[in-house]
Amino acid sequence: MMTTMMQKLFVRASFSLRNQKGAQSIEWIALAAVVLAVLGAVATFFSKDENVGNAVSNTLSDVIEHIGDKITGN
């Protein structure tokens, strides 16, 4: 029974590893989740000091705006 279960698990894992459809989307979603987690941690850390928090927020807004301009060609 254990051998059969391990064989089924191996077959499922092998299929999942060979199936690359949508892998890039999942990577981008994971990267976005990490970035949001880091931003949340930074915001929480600096929430006591409004000047530093505002400076970080303004800098991140500028970076995001610059990236958006590059994507849209402005």
Protein backbone atom coordinates (compact mmCIF):
# COMPACT_ATOMS: atom_id res chain seq x y z
CA MET A 1 0.00 0.00 0.00
CA MET A 2 2.78 2.44 0.90
CA THR A 3 4.61 1.63 -2.34
CA THR A 4 1.48 2.32 -4.40
CA MET A 5 0.90 5.62 -2.62
CA MET A 6 4.53 6.67 -3.18
CA GLN A 7 4.28 5.73 -6.85
CA LYS A 8 1.15 7.84 -7.27
CA LEU A 9 2.82 10.74 -5.49
CA PHE A 10 5.87 10.41 -7.74
CA VAL A 11 3.74 10.38 -10.89
CA ARG A 12 1.82 13.48 -9.79
CA ALA A 13 5.01 15.32 -8.84
CA SER A 14 6.69 14.38 -12.12
CA PHE A 15 3.70 15.63 -14.12
CA SER A 16 3.63 18.89 -12.20
CA LEU A 17 7.33 19.48 -12.77
CA ARG A 18 7.01 18.83 -16.51
CA ASN A 19 3.93 21.03 -16.88
CA GLN A 20 5.35 24.54 -17.32
CA LYS A 21 2.09 26.18 -18.40
CA GLY A 22 1.52 29.23 -16.27
CA ALA A 23 4.80 28.89 -14.38
CA GLN A 24 5.91 32.41 -15.27
CA SER A 25 2.63 33.89 -14.03
CA ILE A 26 3.01 32.08 -10.73
CA GLU A 27 6.57 33.41 -10.40
CA TRP A 28 5.39 36.98 -10.96
CA ILE A 29 2.57 36.55 -8.45
CA ALA A 30 5.03 35.16 -5.90
CA LEU A 31 7.41 38.06 -6.53
CA ALA A 32 4.57 40.55 -6.08
CA ALA A 33 3.60 38.85 -2.81
CA VAL A 34 7.18 39.12 -1.54
CA VAL A 35 7.38 42.79 -2.52
CA LEU A 36 4.07 43.52 -0.77
CA ALA A 37 5.26 41.70 2.34
CA VAL A 38 8.48 43.73 2.41
CA LEU A 39 6.58 46.98 1.87
CA GLY A 40 4.19 46.06 4.66
CA ALA A 41 7.10 45.32 6.99
CA VAL A 42 8.78 48.62 6.11
CA ALA A 43 5.55 50.56 6.59
CA THR A 44 4.94 48.90 9.95
CA PHE A 45 8.51 49.53 11.07
CA PHE A 46 8.44 53.21 10.14
CA SER A 47 4.85 53.92 11.16
CA LYS A 48 6.04 55.50 14.42
CA ASP A 49 8.24 58.02 12.63
CA GLU A 50 6.01 59.78 10.10
CA ASN A 51 8.84 61.68 8.39
CA VAL A 52 10.74 58.52 7.51
CA GLY A 53 7.55 56.70 6.56
CA ASN A 54 6.51 59.54 4.26
CA ALA A 55 9.97 59.66 2.69
CA VAL A 56 9.88 55.92 1.99
CA SER A 57 6.34 56.19 0.65
CA ASN A 58 7.23 59.09 -1.65
CA THR A 59 10.33 57.32 -2.95
CA LEU A 60 8.41 54.13 -3.67
CA SER A 61 5.65 56.12 -5.40
CA ASP A 62 8.25 57.83 -7.58
CA VAL A 63 9.85 54.50 -8.49
CA ILE A 64 6.49 52.95 -9.38
CA GLU A 65 5.53 55.99 -11.44
CA HIS A 66 8.88 55.87 -13.27
CA ILE A 67 8.38 52.17 -14.06
CA GLY A 68 4.86 52.90 -15.30
CA ASP A 69 6.19 55.67 -17.53
CA LYS A 70 8.78 53.32 -19.02
CA ILE A 71 6.13 50.66 -19.68
CA THR A 72 3.71 53.08 -21.35
CA GLY A 73 6.48 54.86 -23.25
CA ASN A 74 5.99 58.30 -21.69
